[in-house]
Amino acid sequence: GFAFGMGIERIVMLLHQMGDIRMFFENDKRMLEQFKSL
């Protein structure tokens, strides 16, 4: 068999061009509201 693994934060940062992983854990509404339409 085979196995693979990836970090989800890294993928999100790539897809949405985000430069700081700490933003995911700060609960800043200004950042989170950008994803309402997704």
All heavy atoms as atom14 arrays in JSON, in Angstrom:
{
  "sequence": "GFAFGMGIERIVMLLHQMGDIRMFFENDKRMLEQFKSL",
  "atom14_mask": [
    [1, 1, 1, 1, 0, 0, 0, 0, 0, 0, 0, 0, 0, 0],
    [1, 1, 1, 1, 1, 1, 1, 1, 1, 1, 1, 0, 0, 0],
    [1, 1, 1, 1, 1, 0, 0, 0, 0, 0, 0, 0, 0, 0],
    [1, 1, 1, 1, 1, 1, 1, 1, 1, 1, 1, 0, 0, 0],
    [1, 1, 1, 1, 0, 0, 0, 0, 0, 0, 0, 0, 0, 0],
    [1, 1, 1, 1, 1, 1, 1, 1, 0, 0, 0, 0, 0, 0],
    [1, 1, 1, 1, 0, 0, 0, 0, 0, 0, 0, 0, 0, 0],
    [1, 1, 1, 1, 1, 1, 1, 1, 0, 0, 0, 0, 0, 0],
    [1, 1, 1, 1, 1, 1, 1, 1, 1, 0, 0, 0, 0, 0],
    [1, 1, 1, 1, 1, 1, 1, 1, 1, 1, 1, 0, 0, 0],
    [1, 1, 1, 1, 1, 1, 1, 1, 0, 0, 0, 0, 0, 0],
    [1, 1, 1, 1, 1, 1, 1, 0, 0, 0, 0, 0, 0, 0],
    [1, 1, 1, 1, 1, 1, 1, 1, 0, 0, 0, 0, 0, 0],
    [1, 1, 1, 1, 1, 1, 1, 1, 0, 0, 0, 0, 0, 0],
    [1, 1, 1, 1, 1, 1, 1, 1, 0, 0, 0, 0, 0, 0],
    [1, 1, 1, 1, 1, 1, 1, 1, 1, 1, 0, 0, 0, 0],
    [1, 1, 1, 1, 1, 1, 1, 1, 1, 0, 0, 0, 0, 0],
    [1, 1, 1, 1, 1, 1, 1, 1, 0, 0, 0, 0, 0, 0],
    [1, 1, 1, 1, 0, 0, 0, 0, 0, 0, 0, 0, 0, 0],
    [1, 1, 1, 1, 1, 1, 1, 1, 0, 0, 0, 0, 0, 0],
    [1, 1, 1, 1, 1, 1, 1, 1, 0, 0, 0, 0, 0, 0],
    [1, 1, 1, 1, 1, 1, 1, 1, 1, 1, 1, 0, 0, 0],
    [1, 1, 1, 1, 1, 1, 1, 1, 0, 0, 0, 0, 0, 0],
    [1, 1, 1, 1, 1, 1, 1, 1, 1, 1, 1, 0, 0, 0],
    [1, 1, 1, 1, 1, 1, 1, 1, 1, 1, 1, 0, 0, 0],
    [1, 1, 1, 1, 1, 1, 1, 1, 1, 0, 0, 0, 0, 0],
    [1, 1, 1, 1, 1, 1, 1, 1, 0, 0, 0, 0, 0, 0],
    [1, 1, 1, 1, 1, 1, 1, 1, 0, 0, 0, 0, 0, 0],
    [1, 1, 1, 1, 1, 1, 1, 1, 1, 0, 0, 0, 0, 0],
    [1, 1, 1, 1, 1, 1, 1, 1, 1, 1, 1, 0, 0, 0],
    [1, 1, 1, 1, 1, 1, 1, 1, 0, 0, 0, 0, 0, 0],
    [1, 1, 1, 1, 1, 1, 1, 1, 0, 0, 0, 0, 0, 0],
    [1, 1, 1, 1, 1, 1, 1, 1, 1, 0, 0, 0, 0, 0],
    [1, 1, 1, 1, 1, 1, 1, 1, 1, 0, 0, 0, 0, 0],
    [1, 1, 1, 1, 1, 1, 1, 1, 1, 1, 1, 0, 0, 0],
    [1, 1, 1, 1, 1, 1, 1, 1, 1, 0, 0, 0, 0, 0],
    [1, 1, 1, 1, 1, 1, 0, 0, 0, 0, 0, 0, 0, 0],
    [1, 1, 1, 1, 1, 1, 1, 1, 0, 0, 0, 0, 0, 0]
  ],
  "atom14_positions": [
    [[0.81, -1.21, 0.0], [0.0, 0.0, 0.0], [0.84, 1.25, 0.0], [2.08, 1.21, 0.09], [0.0, 0.0, 0.0], [0.0, 0.0, 0.0], [0.0, 0.0, 0.0], [0.0, 0.0, 0.0], [0.0, 0.0, 0.0], [0.0, 0.0, 0.0], [0.0, 0.0, 0.0], [0.0, 0.0, 0.0], [0.0, 0.0, 0.0], [0.0, 0.0, 0.0]],
    [[0.16, 2.39, -0.11], [0.86, 3.67, -0.04], [0.16, 4.59, 0.95], [-1.0, 4.39, 1.31], [0.97, 4.33, -1.42], [-0.34, 4.68, -2.08], [-1.11, 5.76, -1.65], [-0.79, 3.94, -3.18], [-2.31, 6.09, -2.29], [-1.99, 4.25, -3.81], [-2.75, 5.34, -3.36], [0.0, 0.0, 0.0], [0.0, 0.0, 0.0], [0.0, 0.0, 0.0]],
    [[0.91, 5.61, 1.4], [0.38, 6.61, 2.33], [0.9, 7.97, 1.91], [1.95, 8.09, 1.27], [0.81, 6.29, 3.76], [0.0, 0.0, 0.0], [0.0, 0.0, 0.0], [0.0, 0.0, 0.0], [0.0, 0.0, 0.0], [0.0, 0.0, 0.0], [0.0, 0.0, 0.0], [0.0, 0.0, 0.0], [0.0, 0.0, 0.0], [0.0, 0.0, 0.0]],
    [[0.15, 9.0, 2.26], [0.58, 10.37, 1.98], [0.0, 11.28, 3.06], [-0.94, 10.92, 3.77], [0.1, 10.81, 0.59], [-1.4, 10.71, 0.39], [-2.26, 11.72, 0.79], [-1.94, 9.56, -0.19], [-3.64, 11.6, 0.6], [-3.32, 9.44, -0.37], [-4.16, 10.46, 0.03], [0.0, 0.0, 0.0], [0.0, 0.0, 0.0], [0.0, 0.0, 0.0]],
    [[0.58, 12.44, 3.22], [0.09, 13.38, 4.22], [0.47, 14.8, 3.89], [1.54, 15.06, 3.3], [0.0, 0.0, 0.0], [0.0, 0.0, 0.0], [0.0, 0.0, 0.0], [0.0, 0.0, 0.0], [0.0, 0.0, 0.0], [0.0, 0.0, 0.0], [0.0, 0.0, 0.0], [0.0, 0.0, 0.0], [0.0, 0.0, 0.0], [0.0, 0.0, 0.0]],
    [[-0.41, 15.72, 4.27], [-0.14, 17.14, 4.0], [-0.7, 17.99, 5.14], [-1.63, 17.59, 5.85], [-0.77, 17.56, 2.67], [-2.29, 17.58, 2.68], [-3.01, 17.64, 1.04], [-3.11, 15.88, 0.65], [0.0, 0.0, 0.0], [0.0, 0.0, 0.0], [0.0, 0.0, 0.0], [0.0, 0.0, 0.0], [0.0, 0.0, 0.0], [0.0, 0.0, 0.0]],
    [[-0.12, 19.17, 5.32], [-0.65, 20.13, 6.28], [-1.73, 20.98, 5.62], [-1.51, 21.56, 4.55], [0.0, 0.0, 0.0], [0.0, 0.0, 0.0], [0.0, 0.0, 0.0], [0.0, 0.0, 0.0], [0.0, 0.0, 0.0], [0.0, 0.0, 0.0], [0.0, 0.0, 0.0], [0.0, 0.0, 0.0], [0.0, 0.0, 0.0], [0.0, 0.0, 0.0]],
    [[-2.91, 21.05, 6.24], [-4.02, 21.78, 5.61], [-3.74, 23.28, 5.59], [-4.05, 23.97, 4.6], [-5.34, 21.48, 6.34], [-5.64, 19.98, 6.28], [-6.5, 22.26, 5.71], [-6.89, 19.56, 7.02], [0.0, 0.0, 0.0], [0.0, 0.0, 0.0], [0.0, 0.0, 0.0], [0.0, 0.0, 0.0], [0.0, 0.0, 0.0], [0.0, 0.0, 0.0]],
    [[-3.15, 23.82, 6.67], [-2.85, 25.25, 6.68], [-1.98, 25.65, 5.5], [-2.19, 26.7, 4.89], [-2.15, 25.65, 7.99], [-3.07, 25.8, 9.18], [-3.33, 24.48, 9.88], [-2.96, 23.42, 9.34], [-3.91, 24.5, 10.97], [0.0, 0.0, 0.0], [0.0, 0.0, 0.0], [0.0, 0.0, 0.0], [0.0, 0.0, 0.0], [0.0, 0.0, 0.0]],
    [[-1.0, 24.81, 5.2], [-0.1, 25.12, 4.07], [-0.89, 25.21, 2.76], [-0.64, 26.1, 1.94], [0.97, 24.01, 3.98], [1.98, 24.2, 2.85], [3.02, 25.25, 3.22], [3.99, 25.43, 2.17], [5.1, 24.7, 2.04], [5.36, 23.73, 2.89], [5.97, 24.97, 1.08], [0.0, 0.0, 0.0], [0.0, 0.0, 0.0], [0.0, 0.0, 0.0]],
    [[-1.82, 24.31, 2.57], [-2.62, 24.32, 1.34], [-3.5, 25.56, 1.29], [-3.63, 26.21, 0.23], [-3.49, 23.05, 1.25], [-2.62, 21.78, 1.32], [-4.32, 23.07, -0.02], [-1.63, 21.64, 0.21], [0.0, 0.0, 0.0], [0.0, 0.0, 0.0], [0.0, 0.0, 0.0], [0.0, 0.0, 0.0], [0.0, 0.0, 0.0], [0.0, 0.0, 0.0]],
    [[-4.11, 25.93, 2.43], [-4.96, 27.14, 2.46], [-4.12, 28.37, 2.13], [-4.55, 29.24, 1.37], [-5.62, 27.3, 3.85], [-6.49, 28.56, 3.88], [-6.47, 26.09, 4.2], [0.0, 0.0, 0.0], [0.0, 0.0, 0.0], [0.0, 0.0, 0.0], [0.0, 0.0, 0.0], [0.0, 0.0, 0.0], [0.0, 0.0, 0.0], [0.0, 0.0, 0.0]],
    [[-2.93, 28.44, 2.71], [-2.07, 29.6, 2.45], [-1.69, 29.7, 0.99], [-1.59, 30.8, 0.43], [-0.82, 29.5, 3.34], [-1.11, 29.67, 4.82], [0.3, 29.28, 5.88], [1.33, 30.72, 5.62], [0.0, 0.0, 0.0], [0.0, 0.0, 0.0], [0.0, 0.0, 0.0], [0.0, 0.0, 0.0], [0.0, 0.0, 0.0], [0.0, 0.0, 0.0]],
    [[-1.51, 28.56, 0.34], [-1.18, 28.57, -1.09], [-2.37, 29.02, -1.92], [-2.26, 29.87, -2.82], [-0.74, 27.18, -1.53], [0.59, 26.66, -0.96], [0.82, 25.23, -1.42], [1.74, 27.55, -1.39], [0.0, 0.0, 0.0], [0.0, 0.0, 0.0], [0.0, 0.0, 0.0], [0.0, 0.0, 0.0], [0.0, 0.0, 0.0], [0.0, 0.0, 0.0]],
    [[-3.54, 28.43, -1.63], [-4.72, 28.72, -2.44], [-5.18, 30.17, -2.31], [-5.7, 30.76, -3.26], [-5.86, 27.78, -2.04], [-5.71, 26.31, -2.43], [-6.82, 25.48, -1.83], [-5.7, 26.16, -3.96], [0.0, 0.0, 0.0], [0.0, 0.0, 0.0], [0.0, 0.0, 0.0], [0.0, 0.0, 0.0], [0.0, 0.0, 0.0], [0.0, 0.0, 0.0]],
    [[-5.01, 30.76, -1.12], [-5.53, 32.1, -0.86], [-4.44, 33.13, -0.63], [-4.73, 34.26, -0.2], [-6.49, 32.07, 0.33], [-7.68, 31.18, 0.12], [-8.7, 31.51, -0.73], [-7.99, 29.97, 0.64], [-9.61, 30.54, -0.72], [-9.2, 29.6, 0.1], [0.0, 0.0, 0.0], [0.0, 0.0, 0.0], [0.0, 0.0, 0.0], [0.0, 0.0, 0.0]],
    [[-3.18, 32.75, -0.95], [-2.06, 33.69, -0.87], [-1.99, 34.38, 0.49], [-1.9, 35.61, 0.59], [-2.19, 34.74, -1.99], [-2.16, 34.15, -3.39], [-0.8, 33.55, -3.74], [0.17, 34.25, -3.95], [-0.74, 32.23, -3.8], [0.0, 0.0, 0.0], [0.0, 0.0, 0.0], [0.0, 0.0, 0.0], [0.0, 0.0, 0.0], [0.0, 0.0, 0.0]],
    [[-2.03, 33.6, 1.55], [-1.95, 34.12, 2.92], [-0.52, 33.92, 3.42], [0.08, 32.87, 3.24], [-2.95, 33.4, 3.83], [-4.39, 33.6, 3.37], [-5.57, 32.57, 4.27], [-5.45, 33.29, 5.9], [0.0, 0.0, 0.0], [0.0, 0.0, 0.0], [0.0, 0.0, 0.0], [0.0, 0.0, 0.0], [0.0, 0.0, 0.0], [0.0, 0.0, 0.0]],
    [[0.01, 34.94, 4.08], [1.42, 34.92, 4.44], [1.74, 34.59, 5.88], [2.91, 34.55, 6.25], [0.0, 0.0, 0.0], [0.0, 0.0, 0.0], [0.0, 0.0, 0.0], [0.0, 0.0, 0.0], [0.0, 0.0, 0.0], [0.0, 0.0, 0.0], [0.0, 0.0, 0.0], [0.0, 0.0, 0.0], [0.0, 0.0, 0.0], [0.0, 0.0, 0.0]],
    [[0.72, 34.36, 6.73], [1.0, 34.15, 8.15], [0.07, 33.08, 8.71], [-1.15, 33.26, 8.74], [0.8, 35.46, 8.93], [1.44, 35.43, 10.31], [1.4, 34.36, 10.95], [1.97, 36.47, 10.75], [0.0, 0.0, 0.0], [0.0, 0.0, 0.0], [0.0, 0.0, 0.0], [0.0, 0.0, 0.0], [0.0, 0.0, 0.0], [0.0, 0.0, 0.0]],
    [[0.63, 31.96, 9.17], [-0.18, 30.85, 9.67], [-0.92, 31.21, 10.96], [-1.95, 30.63, 11.29], [0.72, 29.61, 9.9], [-0.13, 28.35, 10.07], [1.65, 29.82, 11.09], [0.69, 27.07, 10.13], [0.0, 0.0, 0.0], [0.0, 0.0, 0.0], [0.0, 0.0, 0.0], [0.0, 0.0, 0.0], [0.0, 0.0, 0.0], [0.0, 0.0, 0.0]],
    [[-0.42, 32.21, 11.68], [-1.05, 32.59, 12.95], [-2.45, 33.17, 12.75], [-3.26, 33.18, 13.67], [-0.17, 33.6, 13.69], [1.13, 33.0, 14.21], [2.11, 34.05, 14.69], [2.6, 34.87, 13.59], [3.63, 35.7, 13.7], [4.27, 35.82, 14.84], [4.02, 36.42, 12.66], [0.0, 0.0, 0.0], [0.0, 0.0, 0.0], [0.0, 0.0, 0.0]],
    [[-2.72, 33.65, 11.55], [-4.04, 34.23, 11.27], [-5.16, 33.21, 11.45], [-6.3, 33.57, 11.76], [-4.07, 34.78, 9.84], [-3.11, 35.91, 9.6], [-3.02, 36.41, 7.87], [-4.63, 37.12, 7.65], [0.0, 0.0, 0.0], [0.0, 0.0, 0.0], [0.0, 0.0, 0.0], [0.0, 0.0, 0.0], [0.0, 0.0, 0.0], [0.0, 0.0, 0.0]],
    [[-4.87, 31.92, 11.27], [-5.9, 30.88, 11.38], [-6.38, 30.69, 12.82], [-7.45, 30.13, 13.05], [-5.38, 29.55, 10.85], [-5.05, 29.57, 9.38], [-3.78, 29.27, 8.93], [-6.01, 29.91, 8.44], [-3.47, 29.28, 7.58], [-5.72, 29.93, 7.09], [-4.45, 29.61, 6.66], [0.0, 0.0, 0.0], [0.0, 0.0, 0.0], [0.0, 0.0, 0.0]],
    [[-5.59, 31.13, 13.79], [-5.91, 30.86, 15.18], [-6.25, 32.12, 15.97], [-6.51, 32.04, 17.17], [-4.73, 30.13, 15.85], [-4.37, 28.85, 15.16], [-3.36, 28.82, 14.22], [-5.05, 27.68, 15.43], [-3.02, 27.64, 13.57], [-4.73, 26.5, 14.78], [-3.71, 26.48, 13.86], [0.0, 0.0, 0.0], [0.0, 0.0, 0.0], [0.0, 0.0, 0.0]],
    [[-6.25, 33.28, 15.33], [-6.51, 34.53, 16.03], [-7.99, 34.9, 16.07], [-8.39, 35.8, 16.79], [-5.71, 35.66, 15.37], [-4.2, 35.5, 15.56], [-3.41, 36.53, 14.78], [-4.01, 37.23, 13.92], [-2.19, 36.65, 15.03], [0.0, 0.0, 0.0], [0.0, 0.0, 0.0], [0.0, 0.0, 0.0], [0.0, 0.0, 0.0], [0.0, 0.0, 0.0]],
    [[-8.82, 34.23, 15.28], [-10.27, 34.51, 15.24], [-10.57, 35.98, 14.94], [-11.48, 36.57, 15.51], [-10.93, 34.11, 16.55], [-10.94, 32.61, 16.76], [-11.09, 31.86, 15.8], [-10.74, 32.17, 17.98], [0.0, 0.0, 0.0], [0.0, 0.0, 0.0], [0.0, 0.0, 0.0], [0.0, 0.0, 0.0], [0.0, 0.0, 0.0], [0.0, 0.0, 0.0]],
    [[-9.78, 36.56, 14.06], [-10.02, 37.94, 13.63], [-11.15, 37.94, 12.6], [-11.02, 37.37, 11.51], [-8.74, 38.51, 13.01], [-8.84, 40.01, 12.75], [-9.97, 40.5, 12.51], [-7.81, 40.69, 12.8], [0.0, 0.0, 0.0], [0.0, 0.0, 0.0], [0.0, 0.0, 0.0], [0.0, 0.0, 0.0], [0.0, 0.0, 0.0], [0.0, 0.0, 0.0]],
    [[-12.27, 38.57, 12.94], [-13.43, 38.55, 12.06], [-13.14, 39.2, 10.71], [-13.75, 38.84, 9.7], [-14.61, 39.24, 12.74], [-15.17, 38.46, 13.91], [-16.28, 39.22, 14.6], [-17.47, 39.42, 13.69], [-18.58, 40.12, 14.4], [0.0, 0.0, 0.0], [0.0, 0.0, 0.0], [0.0, 0.0, 0.0], [0.0, 0.0, 0.0], [0.0, 0.0, 0.0]],
    [[-12.23, 40.14, 10.68], [-11.92, 40.81, 9.41], [-11.35, 39.81, 8.41], [-11.59, 39.93, 7.21], [-10.92, 41.94, 9.65], [-11.49, 43.11, 10.46], [-10.41, 44.08, 10.83], [-9.38, 43.45, 11.65], [-8.28, 44.08, 12.07], [-8.06, 45.33, 11.75], [-7.4, 43.44, 12.83], [0.0, 0.0, 0.0], [0.0, 0.0, 0.0], [0.0, 0.0, 0.0]],
    [[-10.58, 38.86, 8.9], [-10.03, 37.83, 8.02], [-11.1, 36.79, 7.68], [-11.27, 36.41, 6.52], [-8.82, 37.16, 8.68], [-8.08, 36.17, 7.78], [-8.73, 34.48, 7.73], [-8.17, 33.88, 9.32], [0.0, 0.0, 0.0], [0.0, 0.0, 0.0], [0.0, 0.0, 0.0], [0.0, 0.0, 0.0], [0.0, 0.0, 0.0], [0.0, 0.0, 0.0]],
    [[-11.85, 36.33, 8.69], [-12.82, 35.26, 8.48], [-13.96, 35.68, 7.56], [-14.49, 34.87, 6.81], [-13.38, 34.8, 9.83], [-12.35, 34.2, 10.8], [-12.98, 33.93, 12.15], [-11.76, 32.92, 10.23], [0.0, 0.0, 0.0], [0.0, 0.0, 0.0], [0.0, 0.0, 0.0], [0.0, 0.0, 0.0], [0.0, 0.0, 0.0], [0.0, 0.0, 0.0]],
    [[-14.35, 36.96, 7.62], [-15.48, 37.42, 6.8], [-15.17, 37.38, 5.31], [-16.07, 37.41, 4.48], [-15.87, 38.84, 7.21], [-16.65, 38.87, 8.54], [-16.93, 40.29, 9.02], [-16.34, 41.23, 8.43], [-17.71, 40.45, 9.96], [0.0, 0.0, 0.0], [0.0, 0.0, 0.0], [0.0, 0.0, 0.0], [0.0, 0.0, 0.0], [0.0, 0.0, 0.0]],
    [[-13.89, 37.3, 4.96], [-13.53, 37.23, 3.53], [-13.99, 35.92, 2.89], [-14.04, 35.82, 1.69], [-12.01, 37.38, 3.38], [-11.46, 38.7, 3.88], [-9.96, 38.74, 3.76], [-9.4, 38.58, 2.66], [-9.28, 38.98, 4.86], [0.0, 0.0, 0.0], [0.0, 0.0, 0.0], [0.0, 0.0, 0.0], [0.0, 0.0, 0.0], [0.0, 0.0, 0.0]],
    [[-14.32, 34.91, 3.72], [-14.64, 33.6, 3.19], [-16.16, 33.34, 3.19], [-16.59, 32.22, 2.98], [-13.93, 32.53, 4.0], [-12.43, 32.61, 3.91], [-11.71, 33.41, 4.78], [-11.75, 31.93, 2.92], [-10.35, 33.5, 4.69], [-10.38, 32.02, 2.81], [-9.67, 32.81, 3.7], [0.0, 0.0, 0.0], [0.0, 0.0, 0.0], [0.0, 0.0, 0.0]],
    [[-16.97, 34.39, 3.41], [-18.42, 34.2, 3.47], [-18.99, 33.72, 2.15], [-19.98, 32.98, 2.12], [-19.1, 35.52, 3.85], [-19.09, 35.76, 5.37], [-19.92, 36.96, 5.74], [-20.02, 37.12, 7.24], [-20.84, 38.28, 7.62], [0.0, 0.0, 0.0], [0.0, 0.0, 0.0], [0.0, 0.0, 0.0], [0.0, 0.0, 0.0], [0.0, 0.0, 0.0]],
    [[-18.4, 34.11, 1.06], [-18.97, 33.78, -0.24], [-18.48, 32.43, -0.76], [-18.91, 31.99, -1.82], [-18.62, 34.87, -1.26], [-17.2, 35.0, -1.39], [0.0, 0.0, 0.0], [0.0, 0.0, 0.0], [0.0, 0.0, 0.0], [0.0, 0.0, 0.0], [0.0, 0.0, 0.0], [0.0, 0.0, 0.0], [0.0, 0.0, 0.0], [0.0, 0.0, 0.0]],
    [[-17.57, 31.78, -0.01], [-17.0, 30.52, -0.51], [-17.84, 29.34, -0.1], [-18.56, 29.38, 0.88], [-15.56, 30.36, 0.02], [-14.58, 31.45, -0.43], [-13.2, 31.16, 0.16], [-14.48, 31.52, -1.96], [0.0, 0.0, 0.0], [0.0, 0.0, 0.0], [0.0, 0.0, 0.0], [0.0, 0.0, 0.0], [0.0, 0.0, 0.0], [0.0, 0.0, 0.0]]
  ]
}
